[in-house]
């Protein structure tokens, strides 16, 4: 009985816990590398350009509309990903 429980726990660890921790580390590293003029996507699906980064207050200001100069203040955790600059080159107009 004990060997099967241990095997189940080891399988559970390698299939669920370990990959999730790796994703968390990658996301944290990505958030630490955010800087002004990066293009980002929020968790809610909003595209924007980083205008200001305030690490001490856990806040990022992003510009979402060039015409009206609309800006949003969001927390670091709400940034889903950074869009690479080379991805913008192939984007259709």
PDB file of N, CA and C in Angstrom:
ATOM      1  N   UNK A   1       0.816  -1.200   0.000  1.00  0.00           N
ATOM      2  CA  UNK A   1       0.000   0.000   0.000  1.00  0.00           C
ATOM      3  C   UNK A   1       0.860   1.264   0.000  1.00  0.00           C
ATOM      4  N   UNK A   2       1.888   1.317   0.850  1.00  0.00           N
ATOM      5  CA  UNK A   2       2.732   2.513   0.936  1.00  0.00           C
ATOM      6  C   UNK A   2       3.483   2.805  -0.361  1.00  0.00           C
ATOM      7  N   UNK A   3       4.037   1.789  -1.006  1.00  0.00           N
ATOM      8  CA  UNK A   3       4.739   2.101  -2.263  1.00  0.00           C
ATOM      9  C   UNK A   3       3.818   2.709  -3.322  1.00  0.00           C
ATOM     10  N   UNK A   4       2.574   2.262  -3.368  1.00  0.00           N
ATOM     11  CA  UNK A   4       1.658   2.824  -4.366  1.00  0.00           C
ATOM     12  C   UNK A   4       1.289   4.271  -4.020  1.00  0.00           C
ATOM     13  N   UNK A   5       1.127   4.583  -2.734  1.00  0.00           N
ATOM     14  CA  UNK A   5       0.849   5.966  -2.336  1.00  0.00           C
ATOM     15  C   UNK A   5       2.028   6.879  -2.634  1.00  0.00           C
ATOM     16  N   UNK A   6       3.207   6.387  -2.382  1.00  0.00           N
ATOM     17  CA  UNK A   6       4.413   7.172  -2.679  1.00  0.00           C
ATOM     18  C   UNK A   6       4.523   7.399  -4.188  1.00  0.00           C
ATOM     19  N   UNK A   7       4.252   6.375  -4.972  1.00  0.00           N
ATOM     20  CA  UNK A   7       4.309   6.509  -6.432  1.00  0.00           C
ATOM     21  C   UNK A   7       3.277   7.521  -6.924  1.00  0.00           C
ATOM     22  N   UNK A   8       2.090   7.504  -6.350  1.00  0.00           N
ATOM     23  CA  UNK A   8       1.053   8.467  -6.738  1.00  0.00           C
ATOM     24  C   UNK A   8       1.484   9.883  -6.387  1.00  0.00           C
ATOM     25  N   UNK A   9       2.068  10.075  -5.211  1.00  0.00           N
ATOM     26  CA  UNK A   9       2.533  11.406  -4.814  1.00  0.00           C
ATOM     27  C   UNK A   9       3.638  11.907  -5.729  1.00  0.00           C
ATOM     28  N   UNK A  10       4.597  11.023  -6.061  1.00  0.00           N
ATOM     29  CA  UNK A  10       5.692  11.415  -6.957  1.00  0.00           C
ATOM     30  C   UNK A  10       5.136  11.786  -8.324  1.00  0.00           C
ATOM     31  N   UNK A  11       4.215  11.005  -8.834  1.00  0.00           N
ATOM     32  CA  UNK A  11       3.593  11.301 -10.124  1.00  0.00           C
ATOM     33  C   UNK A  11       2.833  12.631 -10.068  1.00  0.00           C
ATOM     34  N   UNK A  12       2.094  12.836  -8.995  1.00  0.00           N
ATOM     35  CA  UNK A  12       1.359  14.086  -8.791  1.00  0.00           C
ATOM     36  C   UNK A  12       2.321  15.270  -8.777  1.00  0.00           C
ATOM     37  N   UNK A  13       3.444  15.132  -8.079  1.00  0.00           N
ATOM     38  CA  UNK A  13       4.424  16.213  -7.990  1.00  0.00           C
ATOM     39  C   UNK A  13       4.975  16.563  -9.369  1.00  0.00           C
ATOM     40  N   UNK A  14       5.403  15.557 -10.124  1.00  0.00           N
ATOM     41  CA  UNK A  14       6.037  15.827 -11.414  1.00  0.00           C
ATOM     42  C   UNK A  14       5.049  16.256 -12.495  1.00  0.00           C
ATOM     43  N   UNK A  15       3.786  15.909 -12.366  1.00  0.00           N
ATOM     44  CA  UNK A  15       2.824  16.284 -13.398  1.00  0.00           C
ATOM     45  C   UNK A  15       2.083  17.579 -13.094  1.00  0.00           C
ATOM     46  N   UNK A  16       1.958  17.964 -11.826  1.00  0.00           N
ATOM     47  CA  UNK A  16       1.172  19.146 -11.491  1.00  0.00           C
ATOM     48  C   UNK A  16       1.960  20.229 -10.762  1.00  0.00           C
ATOM     49  N   UNK A  17       2.607  19.897  -9.702  1.00  0.00           N
ATOM     50  CA  UNK A  17       3.239  20.911  -8.857  1.00  0.00           C
ATOM     51  C   UNK A  17       4.474  21.509  -9.518  1.00  0.00           C
ATOM     52  N   UNK A  18       5.363  20.683 -10.012  1.00  0.00           N
ATOM     53  CA  UNK A  18       6.612  21.183 -10.586  1.00  0.00           C
ATOM     54  C   UNK A  18       6.400  22.086 -11.807  1.00  0.00           C
ATOM     55  N   UNK A  19       5.557  21.701 -12.782  1.00  0.00           N
ATOM     56  CA  UNK A  19       5.333  22.600 -13.932  1.00  0.00           C
ATOM     57  C   UNK A  19       4.700  23.936 -13.528  1.00  0.00           C
ATOM     58  N   UNK A  20       3.812  23.921 -12.538  1.00  0.00           N
ATOM     59  CA  UNK A  20       3.178  25.168 -12.104  1.00  0.00           C
ATOM     60  C   UNK A  20       4.197  26.102 -11.468  1.00  0.00           C
ATOM     61  N   UNK A  21       5.106  25.559 -10.694  1.00  0.00           N
ATOM     62  CA  UNK A  21       6.167  26.387 -10.097  1.00  0.00           C
ATOM     63  C   UNK A  21       7.063  26.984 -11.165  1.00  0.00           C
ATOM     64  N   UNK A  22       7.359  26.224 -12.198  1.00  0.00           N
ATOM     65  CA  UNK A  22       8.190  26.740 -13.293  1.00  0.00           C
ATOM     66  C   UNK A  22       7.478  27.897 -13.994  1.00  0.00           C
ATOM     67  N   UNK A  23       6.163  27.764 -14.226  1.00  0.00           N
ATOM     68  CA  UNK A  23       5.402  28.860 -14.840  1.00  0.00           C
ATOM     69  C   UNK A  23       5.425  30.098 -13.963  1.00  0.00           C
ATOM     70  N   UNK A  24       5.283  29.922 -12.651  1.00  0.00           N
ATOM     71  CA  UNK A  24       5.308  31.057 -11.732  1.00  0.00           C
ATOM     72  C   UNK A  24       6.656  31.761 -11.762  1.00  0.00           C
ATOM     73  N   UNK A  25       7.744  31.000 -11.819  1.00  0.00           N
ATOM     74  CA  UNK A  25       9.077  31.603 -11.896  1.00  0.00           C
ATOM     75  C   UNK A  25       9.253  32.393 -13.181  1.00  0.00           C
ATOM     76  N   UNK A  26       8.808  31.830 -14.307  1.00  0.00           N
ATOM     77  CA  UNK A  26       8.912  32.516 -15.596  1.00  0.00           C
ATOM     78  C   UNK A  26       8.099  33.804 -15.598  1.00  0.00           C
ATOM     79  N   UNK A  27       6.890  33.767 -15.051  1.00  0.00           N
ATOM     80  CA  UNK A  27       6.035  34.954 -15.011  1.00  0.00           C
ATOM     81  C   UNK A  27       6.651  36.033 -14.124  1.00  0.00           C
ATOM     82  N   UNK A  28       7.216  35.637 -12.994  1.00  0.00           N
ATOM     83  CA  UNK A  28       7.862  36.597 -12.099  1.00  0.00           C
ATOM     84  C   UNK A  28       9.064  37.246 -12.780  1.00  0.00           C
ATOM     85  N   UNK A  29       9.859  36.459 -13.483  1.00  0.00           N
ATOM     86  CA  UNK A  29      11.014  37.003 -14.206  1.00  0.00           C
ATOM     87  C   UNK A  29      10.553  37.964 -15.304  1.00  0.00           C
ATOM     88  N   UNK A  30       9.461  37.628 -15.993  1.00  0.00           N
ATOM     89  CA  UNK A  30       8.932  38.499 -17.032  1.00  0.00           C
ATOM     90  C   UNK A  30       8.469  39.820 -16.428  1.00  0.00           C
ATOM     91  N   UNK A  31       7.802  39.765 -15.274  1.00  0.00           N
ATOM     92  CA  UNK A  31       7.326  40.988 -14.631  1.00  0.00           C
ATOM     93  C   UNK A  31       8.477  41.860 -14.158  1.00  0.00           C
ATOM     94  N   UNK A  32       9.557  41.242 -13.720  1.00  0.00           N
ATOM     95  CA  UNK A  32      10.717  42.014 -13.272  1.00  0.00           C
ATOM     96  C   UNK A  32      11.426  42.702 -14.432  1.00  0.00           C
ATOM     97  N   UNK A  33      11.232  42.202 -15.648  1.00  0.00           N
ATOM     98  CA  UNK A  33      11.916  42.786 -16.801  1.00  0.00           C
ATOM     99  C   UNK A  33      11.085  43.853 -17.514  1.00  0.00           C
ATOM    100  N   UNK A  34       9.883  44.147 -17.034  1.00  0.00           N
ATOM    101  CA  UNK A  34       9.032  45.161 -17.682  1.00  0.00           C
ATOM    102  C   UNK A  34       9.697  46.534 -17.580  1.00  0.00           C
ATOM    103  N   UNK A  35       9.690  47.252 -18.707  1.00  0.00           N
ATOM    104  CA  UNK A  35      10.256  48.604 -18.730  1.00  0.00           C
ATOM    105  C   UNK A  35       9.400  49.484 -19.624  1.00  0.00           C
ATOM    106  N   UNK A  36       9.689  50.763 -19.604  1.00  0.00           N
ATOM    107  CA  UNK A  36       8.937  51.722 -20.389  1.00  0.00           C
ATOM    108  C   UNK A  36       9.017  51.368 -21.872  1.00  0.00           C
ATOM    109  N   UNK A  37       7.924  51.609 -22.592  1.00  0.00           N
ATOM    110  CA  UNK A  37       7.760  51.371 -24.035  1.00  0.00           C
ATOM    111  C   UNK A  37       7.623  49.900 -24.413  1.00  0.00           C
ATOM    112  N   UNK A  38       7.509  48.990 -23.444  1.00  0.00           N
ATOM    113  CA  UNK A  38       7.207  47.597 -23.766  1.00  0.00           C
ATOM    114  C   UNK A  38       5.734  47.491 -24.141  1.00  0.00           C
ATOM    115  N   UNK A  39       5.431  46.658 -25.112  1.00  0.00           N
ATOM    116  CA  UNK A  39       4.042  46.382 -25.466  1.00  0.00           C
ATOM    117  C   UNK A  39       3.604  45.175 -24.654  1.00  0.00           C
ATOM    118  N   UNK A  40       2.452  45.303 -23.981  1.00  0.00           N
ATOM    119  CA  UNK A  40       1.983  44.254 -23.085  1.00  0.00           C
ATOM    120  C   UNK A  40       0.526  43.919 -23.345  1.00  0.00           C
ATOM    121  N   UNK A  41       0.119  42.765 -22.824  1.00  0.00           N
ATOM    122  CA  UNK A  41      -1.282  42.355 -22.828  1.00  0.00           C
ATOM    123  C   UNK A  41      -1.640  42.065 -21.375  1.00  0.00           C
ATOM    124  N   UNK A  42      -2.779  42.608 -20.934  1.00  0.00           N
ATOM    125  CA  UNK A  42      -3.212  42.357 -19.564  1.00  0.00           C
ATOM    126  C   UNK A  42      -3.986  41.044 -19.502  1.00  0.00           C
ATOM    127  N   UNK A  43      -4.264  40.595 -18.296  1.00  0.00           N
ATOM    128  CA  UNK A  43      -5.039  39.377 -18.095  1.00  0.00           C
ATOM    129  C   UNK A  43      -6.429  39.530 -18.705  1.00  0.00           C
ATOM    130  N   UNK A  44      -6.957  40.734 -18.714  1.00  0.00           N
ATOM    131  CA  UNK A  44      -8.276  40.998 -19.298  1.00  0.00           C
ATOM    132  C   UNK A  44      -8.262  41.127 -20.810  1.00  0.00           C
ATOM    133  N   UNK A  45      -7.098  41.014 -21.441  1.00  0.00           N
ATOM    134  CA  UNK A  45      -7.011  41.061 -22.898  1.00  0.00           C
ATOM    135  C   UNK A  45      -6.805  42.448 -23.466  1.00  0.00           C
ATOM    136  N   UNK A  46      -6.430  43.415 -22.635  1.00  0.00           N
ATOM    137  CA  UNK A  46      -6.212  44.784 -23.098  1.00  0.00           C
ATOM    138  C   UNK A  46      -4.767  44.933 -23.561  1.00  0.00           C
ATOM    139  N   UNK A  47      -4.587  45.426 -24.782  1.00  0.00           N
ATOM    140  CA  UNK A  47      -3.264  45.689 -25.327  1.00  0.00           C
ATOM    141  C   UNK A  47      -2.865  47.107 -24.944  1.00  0.00           C
ATOM    142  N   UNK A  48      -1.597  47.312 -24.617  1.00  0.00           N
ATOM    143  CA  UNK A  48      -1.141  48.647 -24.287  1.00  0.00           C
ATOM    144  C   UNK A  48       0.367  48.758 -24.328  1.00  0.00           C
ATOM    145  N   UNK A  49       0.837  49.988 -24.166  1.00  0.00           N
ATOM    146  CA  UNK A  49       2.267  50.294 -24.125  1.00  0.00           C
ATOM    147  C   UNK A  49       2.578  50.823 -22.732  1.00  0.00           C
ATOM    148  N   UNK A  50       3.620  50.286 -22.120  1.00  0.00           N
ATOM    149  CA  UNK A  50       3.995  50.697 -20.763  1.00  0.00           C
ATOM    150  C   UNK A  50       4.507  52.129 -20.798  1.00  0.00           C
ATOM    151  N   UNK A  51       3.905  52.978 -19.980  1.00  0.00           N
ATOM    152  CA  UNK A  51       4.321  54.375 -19.889  1.00  0.00           C
ATOM    153  C   UNK A  51       5.128  54.641 -18.619  1.00  0.00           C
ATOM    154  N   UNK A  52       4.812  53.918 -17.539  1.00  0.00           N
ATOM    155  CA  UNK A  52       5.457  54.163 -16.258  1.00  0.00           C
ATOM    156  C   UNK A  52       5.438  52.867 -15.454  1.00  0.00           C
ATOM    157  N   UNK A  53       6.537  52.578 -14.762  1.00  0.00           N
ATOM    158  CA  UNK A  53       6.631  51.400 -13.908  1.00  0.00           C
ATOM    159  C   UNK A  53       6.976  51.870 -12.502  1.00  0.00           C
ATOM    160  N   UNK A  54       6.119  51.542 -11.550  1.00  0.00           N
ATOM    161  CA  UNK A  54       6.363  51.894 -10.149  1.00  0.00           C
ATOM    162  C   UNK A  54       6.424  50.601  -9.349  1.00  0.00           C
ATOM    163  N   UNK A  55       7.618  50.058  -9.226  1.00  0.00           N
ATOM    164  CA  UNK A  55       7.793  48.760  -8.570  1.00  0.00           C
ATOM    165  C   UNK A  55       7.449  48.814  -7.079  1.00  0.00           C
ATOM    166  N   UNK A  56       7.764  49.917  -6.415  1.00  0.00           N
ATOM    167  CA  UNK A  56       7.512  50.002  -4.972  1.00  0.00           C
ATOM    168  C   UNK A  56       6.021  50.017  -4.641  1.00  0.00           C
ATOM    169  N   UNK A  57       5.188  50.507  -5.552  1.00  0.00           N
ATOM    170  CA  UNK A  57       3.750  50.520  -5.304  1.00  0.00           C
ATOM    171  C   UNK A  57       3.020  49.438  -6.119  1.00  0.00           C
ATOM    172  N   UNK A  58       3.787  48.523  -6.765  1.00  0.00           N
ATOM    173  CA  UNK A  58       3.209  47.405  -7.511  1.00  0.00           C
ATOM    174  C   UNK A  58       2.232  47.894  -8.578  1.00  0.00           C
ATOM    175  N   UNK A  59       2.657  48.899  -9.347  1.00  0.00           N
ATOM    176  CA  UNK A  59       1.753  49.520 -10.310  1.00  0.00           C
ATOM    177  C   UNK A  59       2.459  49.797 -11.637  1.00  0.00           C
ATOM    178  N   UNK A  60       1.722  49.586 -12.720  1.00  0.00           N
ATOM    179  CA  UNK A  60       2.201  49.872 -14.071  1.00  0.00           C
ATOM    180  C   UNK A  60       1.158  50.740 -14.749  1.00  0.00           C
ATOM    181  N   UNK A  61       1.592  51.802 -15.422  1.00  0.00           N
ATOM    182  CA  UNK A  61       0.685  52.643 -16.201  1.00  0.00           C
ATOM    183  C   UNK A  61       0.876  52.281 -17.664  1.00  0.00           C
ATOM    184  N   UNK A  62      -0.239  51.926 -18.327  1.00  0.00           N
ATOM    185  CA  UNK A  62      -0.158  51.579 -19.743  1.00  0.00           C
ATOM    186  C   UNK A  62      -1.056  52.511 -20.547  1.00  0.00           C
ATOM    187  N   UNK A  63      -0.580  52.870 -21.742  1.00  0.00           N
ATOM    188  CA  UNK A  63      -1.373  53.678 -22.666  1.00  0.00           C
ATOM    189  C   UNK A  63      -2.094  52.715 -23.590  1.00  0.00           C
ATOM    190  N   UNK A  64      -3.431  52.856 -23.654  1.00  0.00           N
ATOM    191  CA  UNK A  64      -4.225  51.933 -24.454  1.00  0.00           C
ATOM    192  C   UNK A  64      -4.792  52.561 -25.715  1.00  0.00           C
ATOM    193  N   UNK A  65      -4.764  53.893 -25.817  1.00  0.00           N
ATOM    194  CA  UNK A  65      -5.311  54.560 -26.992  1.00  0.00           C
ATOM    195  C   UNK A  65      -4.422  55.745 -27.343  1.00  0.00           C
ATOM    196  N   UNK A  66      -3.859  55.713 -28.528  1.00  0.00           N
ATOM    197  CA  UNK A  66      -2.981  56.790 -28.974  1.00  0.00           C
ATOM    198  C   UNK A  66      -3.758  58.070 -29.281  1.00  0.00           C
ATOM    199  N   UNK A  67      -4.941  57.952 -29.859  1.00  0.00           N
ATOM    200  CA  UNK A  67      -5.705  59.123 -30.285  1.00  0.00           C
ATOM    201  C   UNK A  67      -6.174  59.960 -29.101  1.00  0.00           C
ATOM    202  N   UNK A  68      -6.689  59.320 -28.070  1.00  0.00           N
ATOM    203  CA  UNK A  68      -7.224  60.041 -26.915  1.00  0.00           C
ATOM    204  C   UNK A  68      -6.258  60.084 -25.743  1.00  0.00           C
ATOM    205  N   UNK A  69      -5.089  59.469 -25.899  1.00  0.00           N
ATOM    206  CA  UNK A  69      -4.085  59.423 -24.839  1.00  0.00           C
ATOM    207  C   UNK A  69      -4.655  58.770 -23.567  1.00  0.00           C
ATOM    208  N   UNK A  70      -5.437  57.710 -23.738  1.00  0.00           N
ATOM    209  CA  UNK A  70      -6.062  57.005 -22.625  1.00  0.00           C
ATOM    210  C   UNK A  70      -5.035  56.118 -21.939  1.00  0.00           C
ATOM    211  N   UNK A  71      -4.945  56.244 -20.619  1.00  0.00           N
ATOM    212  CA  UNK A  71      -4.000  55.456 -19.834  1.00  0.00           C
ATOM    213  C   UNK A  71      -4.743  54.689 -18.754  1.00  0.00           C
ATOM    214  N   UNK A  72      -4.212  53.528 -18.411  1.00  0.00           N
ATOM    215  CA  UNK A  72      -4.756  52.708 -17.331  1.00  0.00           C
ATOM    216  C   UNK A  72      -3.644  52.409 -16.333  1.00  0.00           C
ATOM    217  N   UNK A  73      -4.007  52.408 -15.063  1.00  0.00           N
ATOM    218  CA  UNK A  73      -3.072  51.980 -14.025  1.00  0.00           C
ATOM    219  C   UNK A  73      -3.474  50.577 -13.609  1.00  0.00           C
ATOM    220  N   UNK A  74      -2.558  49.647 -13.703  1.00  0.00           N
ATOM    221  CA  UNK A  74      -2.840  48.254 -13.365  1.00  0.00           C
ATOM    222  C   UNK A  74      -1.739  47.732 -12.445  1.00  0.00           C
ATOM    223  N   UNK A  75      -2.032  46.650 -11.750  1.00  0.00           N
ATOM    224  CA  UNK A  75      -1.021  46.025 -10.906  1.00  0.00           C
ATOM    225  C   UNK A  75      -0.109  45.150 -11.752  1.00  0.00           C
ATOM    226  N   UNK A  76       1.060  44.838 -11.216  1.00  0.00           N
ATOM    227  CA  UNK A  76       1.996  43.973 -11.939  1.00  0.00           C
ATOM    228  C   UNK A  76       1.369  42.618 -12.245  1.00  0.00           C
ATOM    229  N   UNK A  77       0.587  42.093 -11.320  1.00  0.00           N
ATOM    230  CA  UNK A  77      -0.010  40.775 -11.506  1.00  0.00           C
ATOM    231  C   UNK A  77      -0.999  40.703 -12.646  1.00  0.00           C
ATOM    232  N   UNK A  78      -1.511  41.849 -13.091  1.00  0.00           N
ATOM    233  CA  UNK A  78      -2.492  41.832 -14.171  1.00  0.00           C
ATOM    234  C   UNK A  78      -1.849  41.871 -15.558  1.00  0.00           C
ATOM    235  N   UNK A  79      -0.534  41.913 -15.625  1.00  0.00           N
ATOM    236  CA  UNK A  79       0.160  41.842 -16.912  1.00  0.00           C
ATOM    237  C   UNK A  79       0.334  40.368 -17.259  1.00  0.00           C
ATOM    238  N   UNK A  80      -0.272  39.933 -18.350  1.00  0.00           N
ATOM    239  CA  UNK A  80      -0.208  38.529 -18.744  1.00  0.00           C
ATOM    240  C   UNK A  80       1.080  38.220 -19.495  1.00  0.00           C
ATOM    241  N   UNK A  81       1.457  39.109 -20.421  1.00  0.00           N
ATOM    242  CA  UNK A  81       2.685  38.859 -21.176  1.00  0.00           C
ATOM    243  C   UNK A  81       3.173  40.119 -21.853  1.00  0.00           C
ATOM    244  N   UNK A  82       4.434  40.074 -22.253  1.00  0.00           N
ATOM    245  CA  UNK A  82       5.055  41.149 -23.011  1.00  0.00           C
ATOM    246  C   UNK A  82       5.097  40.697 -24.470  1.00  0.00           C
ATOM    247  N   UNK A  83       4.678  41.572 -25.362  1.00  0.00           N
ATOM    248  CA  UNK A  83       4.708  41.258 -26.792  1.00  0.00           C
ATOM    249  C   UNK A  83       6.100  41.613 -27.305  1.00  0.00           C
ATOM    250  N   UNK A  84       6.825  40.658 -27.877  1.00  0.00           N
ATOM    251  CA  UNK A  84       8.152  40.946 -28.405  1.00  0.00           C
ATOM    252  C   UNK A  84       8.095  41.951 -29.548  1.00  0.00           C
ATOM    253  N   UNK A  85       9.124  42.763 -29.673  1.00  0.00           N
ATOM    254  CA  UNK A  85       9.168  43.789 -30.717  1.00  0.00           C
ATOM    255  C   UNK A  85       9.139  43.174 -32.117  1.00  0.00           C
ATOM    256  N   UNK A  86       9.751  42.021 -32.296  1.00  0.00           N
ATOM    257  CA  UNK A  86       9.760  41.391 -33.617  1.00  0.00           C
ATOM    258  C   UNK A  86       8.391  40.848 -34.003  1.00  0.00           C
ATOM    259  N   UNK A  87       7.519  40.588 -33.036  1.00  0.00           N
ATOM    260  CA  UNK A  87       6.154  40.128 -33.333  1.00  0.00           C
ATOM    261  C   UNK A  87       5.319  41.258 -33.929  1.00  0.00           C
ATOM    262  N   UNK A  88       5.630  42.484 -33.572  1.00  0.00           N
ATOM    263  CA  UNK A  88       4.895  43.635 -34.100  1.00  0.00           C
ATOM    264  C   UNK A  88       5.195  43.859 -35.570  1.00  0.00           C
ATOM    265  N   UNK A  89       6.370  43.469 -36.037  1.00  0.00           N
ATOM    266  CA  UNK A  89       6.746  43.700 -37.428  1.00  0.00           C
ATOM    267  C   UNK A  89       5.876  42.900 -38.399  1.00  0.00           C
ATOM    268  N   UNK A  90       5.506  41.688 -38.014  1.00  0.00           N
ATOM    269  CA  UNK A  90       4.714  40.843 -38.905  1.00  0.00           C
ATOM    270  C   UNK A  90       3.224  40.995 -38.751  1.00  0.00           C
ATOM    271  N   UNK A  91       2.783  41.902 -37.906  1.00  0.00           N
ATOM    272  CA  UNK A  91       1.362  42.089 -37.635  1.00  0.00           C
ATOM    273  C   UNK A  91       0.700  42.828 -38.798  1.00  0.00           C
ATOM    274  N   UNK A  92      -0.397  42.276 -39.362  1.00  0.00           N
ATOM    275  CA  UNK A  92      -1.080  42.967 -40.463  1.00  0.00           C
ATOM    276  C   UNK A  92      -1.772  44.223 -39.991  1.00  0.00           C
ATOM    277  N   UNK A  93      -1.838  45.231 -40.865  1.00  0.00           N
ATOM    278  CA  UNK A  93      -2.463  46.509 -40.502  1.00  0.00           C
ATOM    279  C   UNK A  93      -3.941  46.494 -40.706  1.00  0.00           C
TER     280      UNK A  93
END
